[in-house]
PDB file of N, CA and C in Angstrom:
ATOM      1  N   MET A   1     115.508  80.710  97.334  1.00  0.00           N
ATOM      2  CA  MET A   1     114.488  80.323  97.260  1.00  0.00           C
ATOM      3  C   MET A   1     113.269  81.121  97.376  1.00  0.00           C
ATOM      4  N   LYS A   2     112.354  81.467  96.294  1.00  0.00           N
ATOM      5  CA  LYS A   2     111.470  82.074  96.473  1.00  0.00           C
ATOM      6  C   LYS A   2     110.439  81.937  96.576  1.00  0.00           C
ATOM      7  N   ALA A   3     109.312  82.333  97.883  1.00  0.00           N
ATOM      8  CA  ALA A   3     108.088  82.233  97.942  1.00  0.00           C
ATOM      9  C   ALA A   3     107.262  83.404  97.499  1.00  0.00           C
ATOM     10  N   THR A   4     105.867  83.088  97.692  1.00  0.00           N
ATOM     11  CA  THR A   4     105.148  83.875  97.877  1.00  0.00           C
ATOM     12  C   THR A   4     103.777  84.229  98.882  1.00  0.00           C
ATOM     13  N   VAL A   5     103.984  84.903  99.689  1.00  0.00           N
ATOM     14  CA  VAL A   5     102.854  85.244 100.747  1.00  0.00           C
ATOM     15  C   VAL A   5     102.278  86.226 100.794  1.00  0.00           C
ATOM     16  N   ASN A   6     100.641  86.589 101.219  1.00  0.00           N
ATOM     17  CA  ASN A   6     100.377  87.044 101.297  1.00  0.00           C
ATOM     18  C   ASN A   6      99.828  87.651 102.779  1.00  0.00           C
ATOM     19  N   LEU A   7     100.344  88.736 102.923  1.00  0.00           N
ATOM     20  CA  LEU A   7     100.217  90.004 104.162  1.00  0.00           C
ATOM     21  C   LEU A   7      99.478  90.539 104.438  1.00  0.00           C
ATOM     22  N   ASP A   8      98.985  91.022 105.161  1.00  0.00           N
ATOM     23  CA  ASP A   8      98.529  92.052 105.710  1.00  0.00           C
ATOM     24  C   ASP A   8      99.477  93.414 105.162  1.00  0.00           C
ATOM     25  N   ASP A   9      98.520  94.421 104.016  1.00  0.00           N
ATOM     26  CA  ASP A   9      98.834  95.884 103.988  1.00  0.00           C
ATOM     27  C   ASP A   9      99.970  96.572 105.297  1.00  0.00           C
ATOM     28  N   ARG A  10      99.249  96.607 106.337  1.00  0.00           N
ATOM     29  CA  ARG A  10      99.491  97.160 107.686  1.00  0.00           C
ATOM     30  C   ARG A  10     100.859  96.665 107.537  1.00  0.00           C
ATOM     31  N   LEU A  11     101.035  94.978 108.156  1.00  0.00           N
ATOM     32  CA  LEU A  11     101.668  93.972 109.002  1.00  0.00           C
ATOM     33  C   LEU A  11     102.990  94.582 108.034  1.00  0.00           C
ATOM     34  N   TYR A  12     103.077  94.277 106.618  1.00  0.00           N
ATOM     35  CA  TYR A  12     104.300  94.886 105.520  1.00  0.00           C
ATOM     36  C   TYR A  12     104.876  95.775 105.916  1.00  0.00           C
ATOM     37  N   ARG A  13     104.365  96.519 105.876  1.00  0.00           N
ATOM     38  CA  ARG A  13     104.794  98.445 105.740  1.00  0.00           C
ATOM     39  C   ARG A  13     105.246  98.182 107.225  1.00  0.00           C
ATOM     40  N   LYS A  14     104.579  97.667 108.287  1.00  0.00           N
ATOM     41  CA  LYS A  14     105.118  97.825 109.809  1.00  0.00           C
ATOM     42  C   LYS A  14     107.159  97.116 109.556  1.00  0.00           C
ATOM     43  N   VAL A  15     107.521  95.941 108.643  1.00  0.00           N
ATOM     44  CA  VAL A  15     108.221  95.008 108.259  1.00  0.00           C
ATOM     45  C   VAL A  15     109.582  96.098 107.557  1.00  0.00           C
ATOM     46  N   LYS A  16     108.975  96.733 106.200  1.00  0.00           N
ATOM     47  CA  LYS A  16     110.092  97.504 106.062  1.00  0.00           C
ATOM     48  C   LYS A  16     110.219  98.952 106.969  1.00  0.00           C
ATOM     49  N   ILE A  17     109.124  99.210 107.620  1.00  0.00           N
ATOM     50  CA  ILE A  17     109.756 100.376 108.216  1.00  0.00           C
ATOM     51  C   ILE A  17     110.951  99.865 109.419  1.00  0.00           C
ATOM     52  N   LYS A  18     110.399  98.518 109.799  1.00  0.00           N
ATOM     53  CA  LYS A  18     111.586  98.098 110.856  1.00  0.00           C
ATOM     54  C   LYS A  18     113.092  97.791 110.636  1.00  0.00           C
ATOM     55  N   ALA A  19     112.587  96.997 108.731  1.00  0.00           N
ATOM     56  CA  ALA A  19     114.125  97.214 107.553  1.00  0.00           C
ATOM     57  C   ALA A  19     115.141  98.062 107.745  1.00  0.00           C
ATOM     58  N   ALA A  20     114.162  98.963 106.949  1.00  0.00           N
ATOM     59  CA  ALA A  20     114.845 100.357 106.994  1.00  0.00           C
ATOM     60  C   ALA A  20     115.869 101.080 108.286  1.00  0.00           C
ATOM     61  N   GLN A  21     114.641 100.949 109.445  1.00  0.00           N
ATOM     62  CA  GLN A  21     115.737 101.467 110.376  1.00  0.00           C
ATOM     63  C   GLN A  21     116.908 100.976 110.942  1.00  0.00           C
ATOM     64  N   ASP A  22     116.926  99.521 110.693  1.00  0.00           N
ATOM     65  CA  ASP A  22     117.619  98.375 111.154  1.00  0.00           C
ATOM     66  C   ASP A  22     118.826  98.681 110.108  1.00  0.00           C
ATOM     67  N   GLY A  23     118.809  98.689 108.915  1.00  0.00           N
ATOM     68  CA  GLY A  23     119.595  98.678 108.108  1.00  0.00           C
ATOM     69  C   GLY A  23     119.859  97.230 107.140  1.00  0.00           C
ATOM     70  N   VAL A  24     118.519  96.096 107.399  1.00  0.00           N
ATOM     71  CA  VAL A  24     118.612  95.241 107.207  1.00  0.00           C
ATOM     72  C   VAL A  24     117.537  94.824 106.215  1.00  0.00           C
ATOM     73  N   THR A  25     117.384  93.548 105.388  1.00  0.00           N
ATOM     74  CA  THR A  25     116.668  93.300 104.334  1.00  0.00           C
ATOM     75  C   THR A  25     115.085  93.356 104.842  1.00  0.00           C
ATOM     76  N   VAL A  26     113.765  93.446 104.561  1.00  0.00           N
ATOM     77  CA  VAL A  26     112.965  92.586 105.021  1.00  0.00           C
ATOM     78  C   VAL A  26     112.794  91.342 104.678  1.00  0.00           C
ATOM     79  N   THR A  27     113.750  90.398 103.743  1.00  0.00           N
ATOM     80  CA  THR A  27     113.568  88.793 103.841  1.00  0.00           C
ATOM     81  C   THR A  27     114.509  88.201 105.014  1.00  0.00           C
ATOM     82  N   SER A  28     116.042  88.984 105.347  1.00  0.00           N
ATOM     83  CA  SER A  28     115.952  88.731 106.972  1.00  0.00           C
ATOM     84  C   SER A  28     115.487  88.117 107.765  1.00  0.00           C
ATOM     85  N   ILE A  29     114.028  89.733 107.979  1.00  0.00           N
ATOM     86  CA  ILE A  29     113.454  89.789 109.325  1.00  0.00           C
ATOM     87  C   ILE A  29     112.716  88.622 109.139  1.00  0.00           C
ATOM     88  N   PHE A  30     111.779  88.368 107.602  1.00  0.00           N
ATOM     89  CA  PHE A  30     111.112  87.014 107.851  1.00  0.00           C
ATOM     90  C   PHE A  30     111.774  85.732 107.745  1.00  0.00           C
ATOM     91  N   GLU A  31     112.907  85.785 107.650  1.00  0.00           N
ATOM     92  CA  GLU A  31     113.569  84.317 107.844  1.00  0.00           C
ATOM     93  C   GLU A  31     114.056  84.418 109.388  1.00  0.00           C
ATOM     94  N   ALA A  32     114.686  85.665 110.555  1.00  0.00           N
ATOM     95  CA  ALA A  32     114.539  85.287 111.693  1.00  0.00           C
ATOM     96  C   ALA A  32     113.532  85.176 112.140  1.00  0.00           C
ATOM     97  N   ALA A  33     112.455  85.472 111.685  1.00  0.00           N
ATOM     98  CA  ALA A  33     111.301  85.153 112.649  1.00  0.00           C
ATOM     99  C   ALA A  33     110.531  84.018 112.342  1.00  0.00           C
ATOM    100  N   LEU A  34     110.963  83.396 111.230  1.00  0.00           N
ATOM    101  CA  LEU A  34     110.670  81.997 111.182  1.00  0.00           C
ATOM    102  C   LEU A  34     111.393  81.142 111.762  1.00  0.00           C
ATOM    103  N   GLU A  35     112.845  81.365 111.566  1.00  0.00           N
ATOM    104  CA  GLU A  35     113.538  80.393 112.874  1.00  0.00           C
ATOM    105  C   GLU A  35     113.049  80.632 113.855  1.00  0.00           C
ATOM    106  N   ARG A  36     112.738  81.726 114.991  1.00  0.00           N
ATOM    107  CA  ARG A  36     112.320  81.763 116.393  1.00  0.00           C
ATOM    108  C   ARG A  36     110.925  81.044 116.470  1.00  0.00           C
ATOM    109  N   PHE A  37     110.042  81.072 115.003  1.00  0.00           N
ATOM    110  CA  PHE A  37     108.881  80.244 114.948  1.00  0.00           C
ATOM    111  C   PHE A  37     108.685  78.962 115.470  1.00  0.00           C
ATOM    112  N   LEU A  38     109.994  78.457 114.710  1.00  0.00           N
ATOM    113  CA  LEU A  38     109.985  76.648 114.461  1.00  0.00           C
ATOM    114  C   LEU A  38     111.257  76.490 115.689  1.00  0.00           C
ATOM    115  N   ALA A  39     111.554  77.525 116.474  1.00  0.00           N
ATOM    116  CA  ALA A  39     111.973  77.058 117.737  1.00  0.00           C
ATOM    117  C   ALA A  39     111.541  77.240 119.125  1.00  0.00           C
ATOM    118  N   GLU A  40     110.443  77.697 118.305  1.00  0.00           N
ATOM    119  CA  GLU A  40     109.403  77.350 119.720  1.00  0.00           C
ATOM    120  C   GLU A  40     109.010  76.159 120.184  1.00  0.00           C
ATOM    121  N   PRO A  41     108.943  76.242 121.259  1.00  0.00           N
ATOM    122  CA  PRO A  41     108.356  74.646 122.185  1.00  0.00           C
ATOM    123  C   PRO A  41     107.199  74.988 121.160  1.00  0.00           C
ATOM    124  N   THR A  42     107.152  73.259 120.947  1.00  0.00           N
ATOM    125  CA  THR A  42     105.719  72.484 120.420  1.00  0.00           C
ATOM    126  C   THR A  42     104.629  72.665 121.519  1.00  0.00           C
ATOM    127  N   SER A  43     103.684  71.696 121.113  1.00  0.00           N
ATOM    128  CA  SER A  43     102.655  71.952 122.010  1.00  0.00           C
ATOM    129  C   SER A  43     102.851  70.666 123.302  1.00  0.00           C
ATOM    130  N   THR A  44     103.793  69.872 122.814  1.00  0.00           N
ATOM    131  CA  THR A  44     104.087  68.999 123.935  1.00  0.00           C
ATOM    132  C   THR A  44     105.230  69.272 124.699  1.00  0.00           C
ATOM    133  N   GLY A  45     105.275  71.015 124.278  1.00  0.00           N
ATOM    134  CA  GLY A  45     106.379  71.690 125.369  1.00  0.00           C
ATOM    135  C   GLY A  45     107.777  71.831 124.737  1.00  0.00           C
ATOM    136  N   LYS A  46     108.099  70.790 123.866  1.00  0.00           N
ATOM    137  CA  LYS A  46     109.295  70.580 124.104  1.00  0.00           C
ATOM    138  C   LYS A  46     110.400  71.168 122.632  1.00  0.00           C
ATOM    139  N   SER A  47     111.108  71.877 122.571  1.00  0.00           N
ATOM    140  CA  SER A  47     111.245  72.664 121.444  1.00  0.00           C
ATOM    141  C   SER A  47     111.844  71.703 119.948  1.00  0.00           C
ATOM    142  N   ARG A  48     111.451  72.159 118.911  1.00  0.00           N
ATOM    143  CA  ARG A  48     111.726  71.643 117.807  1.00  0.00           C
ATOM    144  C   ARG A  48     113.297  71.533 117.254  1.00  0.00           C
ATOM    145  N   PHE A  49     113.850  72.316 117.772  1.00  0.00           N
ATOM    146  CA  PHE A  49     115.297  72.693 117.933  1.00  0.00           C
ATOM    147  C   PHE A  49     115.835  72.945 118.678  1.00  0.00           C
ATOM    148  N   GLU A  50     116.919  72.110 119.521  1.00  0.00           N
ATOM    149  CA  GLU A  50     117.491  73.113 120.207  1.00  0.00           C
ATOM    150  C   GLU A  50     119.093  72.881 120.066  1.00  0.00           C
ATOM    151  N   LEU A  51     120.211  73.915 120.779  1.00  0.00           N
ATOM    152  CA  LEU A  51     121.588  73.578 120.222  1.00  0.00           C
ATOM    153  C   LEU A  51     121.847  73.337 122.052  1.00  0.00           C
ATOM    154  N   PRO A  52     122.893  72.944 122.406  1.00  0.00           N
ATOM    155  CA  PRO A  52     123.397  73.262 123.316  1.00  0.00           C
ATOM    156  C   PRO A  52     123.804  74.395 123.475  1.00  0.00           C
ATOM    157  N   LEU A  53     124.230  74.675 125.137  1.00  0.00           N
ATOM    158  CA  LEU A  53     125.272  76.340 125.096  1.00  0.00           C
ATOM    159  C   LEU A  53     126.146  75.359 125.807  1.00  0.00           C
ATOM    160  N   LEU A  54     127.534  76.144 125.279  1.00  0.00           N
ATOM    161  CA  LEU A  54     128.468  75.764 125.985  1.00  0.00           C
ATOM    162  C   LEU A  54     129.242  76.597 126.764  1.00  0.00           C
ATOM    163  N   LYS A  55     129.963  76.367 127.662  1.00  0.00           N
ATOM    164  CA  LYS A  55     130.362  77.215 128.844  1.00  0.00           C
ATOM    165  C   LYS A  55     132.054  76.972 128.896  1.00  0.00           C
ATOM    166  N   GLY A  56     132.438  77.131 128.320  1.00  0.00           N
ATOM    167  CA  GLY A  56     133.773  76.323 128.227  1.00  0.00           C
ATOM    168  C   GLY A  56     134.868  77.746 128.622  1.00  0.00           C
ATOM    169  N   LYS A  57     135.997  77.773 128.898  1.00  0.00           N
ATOM    170  CA  LYS A  57     136.608  79.073 128.938  1.00  0.00           C
ATOM    171  C   LYS A  57     138.053  78.941 127.027  1.00  0.00           C
ATOM    172  N   GLY A  58     138.569  79.829 127.251  1.00  0.00           N
ATOM    173  CA  GLY A  58     139.225  80.018 126.733  1.00  0.00           C
ATOM    174  C   GLY A  58     139.280  79.854 124.949  1.00  0.00           C
ATOM    175  N   GLY A  59     139.431  79.258 124.149  1.00  0.00           N
ATOM    176  CA  GLY A  59     139.016  79.035 122.640  1.00  0.00           C
ATOM    177  C   GLY A  59     139.879  78.631 121.850  1.00  0.00           C
ATOM    178  N   LEU A  60     140.280  78.326 120.404  1.00  0.00           N
ATOM    179  CA  LEU A  60     141.072  77.205 120.080  1.00  0.00           C
ATOM    180  C   LEU A  60     142.385  77.187 120.367  1.00  0.00           C
ATOM    181  N   MET A  61     142.876  76.206 120.357  1.00  0.00           N
ATOM    182  CA  MET A  61     144.055  75.467 120.768  1.00  0.00           C
ATOM    183  C   MET A  61     144.893  76.362 119.327  1.00  0.00           C
ATOM    184  N   PRO A  62     146.155  76.580 120.519  1.00  0.00           N
ATOM    185  CA  PRO A  62     146.944  77.430 119.598  1.00  0.00           C
ATOM    186  C   PRO A  62     147.171  76.125 117.976  1.00  0.00           C
ATOM    187  N   GLY A  63     147.147  76.763 117.340  1.00  0.00           N
ATOM    188  CA  GLY A  63     147.812  76.131 115.645  1.00  0.00           C
ATOM    189  C   GLY A  63     146.465  75.633 115.498  1.00  0.00           C
ATOM    190  N   VAL A  64     145.721  75.494 115.293  1.00  0.00           N
ATOM    191  CA  VAL A  64     143.919  74.955 115.277  1.00  0.00           C
ATOM    192  C   VAL A  64     143.475  76.319 113.943  1.00  0.00           C
ATOM    193  N   ASP A  65     143.576  75.732 112.743  1.00  0.00           N
ATOM    194  CA  ASP A  65     142.589  76.595 111.900  1.00  0.00           C
ATOM    195  C   ASP A  65     141.553  75.618 111.723  1.00  0.00           C
ATOM    196  N   LEU A  66     140.671  76.978 111.624  1.00  0.00           N
ATOM    197  CA  LEU A  66     138.990  75.550 111.344  1.00  0.00           C
ATOM    198  C   LEU A  66     139.065  75.445 109.939  1.00  0.00           C
ATOM    199  N   THR A  67     139.863  76.222 109.305  1.00  0.00           N
ATOM    200  CA  THR A  67     139.430  76.250 107.734  1.00  0.00           C
ATOM    201  C   THR A  67     140.767  74.709 107.298  1.00  0.00           C
ATOM    202  N   HIS A  68     141.575  74.112 108.295  1.00  0.00           N
ATOM    203  CA  HIS A  68     141.690  73.284 107.245  1.00  0.00           C
ATOM    204  C   HIS A  68     141.748  71.558 108.051  1.00  0.00           C
ATOM    205  N   GLY A  69     140.262  71.023 107.239  1.00  0.00           N
ATOM    206  CA  GLY A  69     139.916  69.889 108.128  1.00  0.00           C
ATOM    207  C   GLY A  69     140.863  68.767 108.285  1.00  0.00           C
ATOM    208  N   GLU A  70     142.080  68.063 107.950  1.00  0.00           N
ATOM    209  CA  GLU A  70     142.740  67.429 107.907  1.00  0.00           C
ATOM    210  C   GLU A  70     143.423  67.970 109.300  1.00  0.00           C
ATOM    211  N   THR A  71     143.844  69.104 109.588  1.00  0.00           N
ATOM    212  CA  THR A  71     144.099  68.916 111.234  1.00  0.00           C
ATOM    213  C   THR A  71     143.442  69.184 112.191  1.00  0.00           C
ATOM    214  N   LEU A  72     141.854  69.249 111.796  1.00  0.00           N
ATOM    215  CA  LEU A  72     140.651  69.431 112.996  1.00  0.00           C
ATOM    216  C   LEU A  72     140.298  67.763 113.163  1.00  0.00           C
ATOM    217  N   HIS A  73     140.562  67.101 111.762  1.00  0.00           N
ATOM    218  CA  HIS A  73     140.094  65.483 111.703  1.00  0.00           C
ATOM    219  C   HIS A  73     141.080  65.092 113.297  1.00  0.00           C
ATOM    220  N   ARG A  74     142.862  65.352 113.022  1.00  0.00           N
ATOM    221  CA  ARG A  74     143.666  64.660 113.510  1.00  0.00           C
ATOM    222  C   ARG A  74     143.852  64.712 115.261  1.00  0.00           C
ATOM    223  N   ILE A  75     143.338  66.286 115.531  1.00  0.00           N
ATOM    224  CA  ILE A  75     143.140  66.725 116.590  1.00  0.00           C
ATOM    225  C   ILE A  75     142.049  66.142 117.321  1.00  0.00           C
ATOM    226  N   LEU A  76     140.706  65.567 116.910  1.00  0.00           N
ATOM    227  CA  LEU A  76     139.646  65.401 117.427  1.00  0.00           C
ATOM    228  C   LEU A  76     140.061  63.652 117.325  1.00  0.00           C
ATOM    229  N   GLU A  77     140.395  63.144 117.132  1.00  0.00           N
ATOM    230  CA  GLU A  77     140.849  61.234 116.778  1.00  0.00           C
ATOM    231  C   GLU A  77     141.850  60.725 117.913  1.00  0.00           C
ATOM    232  N   GLN A  78     142.655  62.332 118.409  1.00  0.00           N
ATOM    233  CA  GLN A  78     143.355  61.810 119.680  1.00  0.00           C
ATOM    234  C   GLN A  78     143.285  61.230 120.831  1.00  0.00           C
ATOM    235  N   ASP A  79     143.747  60.348 121.036  1.00  0.00           N
ATOM    236  CA  ASP A  79     143.364  59.848 122.213  1.00  0.00           C
ATOM    237  C   ASP A  79     143.081  60.791 123.955  1.00  0.00           C
ATOM    238  N   THR A  80     143.983  61.861 123.612  1.00  0.00           N
ATOM    239  CA  THR A  80     144.215  62.503 124.428  1.00  0.00           C
ATOM    240  C   THR A  80     143.203  63.261 124.971  1.00  0.00           C
ATOM    241  N   PRO A  81     142.379  63.949 126.127  1.00  0.00           N
ATOM    242  CA  PRO A  81     140.691  64.655 125.980  1.00  0.00           C
ATOM    243  C   PRO A  81     141.623  66.007 125.782  1.00  0.00           C
ATOM    244  N   LEU A  82     140.809  66.471 125.025  1.00  0.00           N
ATOM    245  CA  LEU A  82     140.763  67.787 124.602  1.00  0.00           C
ATOM    246  C   LEU A  82     140.953  68.611 125.469  1.00  0.00           C
ATOM    247  N   ASP A  83     140.625  69.531 126.874  1.00  0.00           N
ATOM    248  CA  ASP A  83     141.260  69.916 127.556  1.00  0.00           C
ATOM    249  C   ASP A  83     142.536  69.569 128.272  1.00  0.00           C
ATOM    250  N   GLN A  84     142.803  68.267 128.112  1.00  0.00           N
ATOM    251  CA  GLN A  84     144.335  68.192 128.137  1.00  0.00           C
ATOM    252  C   GLN A  84     145.711  68.495 127.142  1.00  0.00           C
ATOM    253  N   GLN A  85     145.062  68.943 125.896  1.00  0.00           N
ATOM    254  CA  GLN A  85     145.599  68.840 124.455  1.00  0.00           C
ATOM    255  C   GLN A  85     146.233  70.430 124.544  1.00  0.00           C
ATOM    256  N   ARG A  86     146.056  70.929 125.133  1.00  0.00           N
ATOM    257  CA  ARG A  86     146.172  72.505 125.130  1.00  0.00           C
ATOM    258  C   ARG A  86     147.136  73.113 125.675  1.00  0.00           C
TER     259      ARG A  86
END
């Protein structure tokens, strides 16, 4: 989606320089900044959106293909807890 935003010239120049230094686009910097802004706590102190941090070990179970939906569904529908399926 395209959007028009009015920015201070000095701020925009700083963003362009930063983008060039980091080898990224100005758009990606704006997107990252907006994502961070939206993730900041609101005035009530609660975050607008928060993902849980998982500190598990290992990785994918042998034979699991994240691009194959049927296999994932079958594994998740089993009655055995995931940690015992390894």
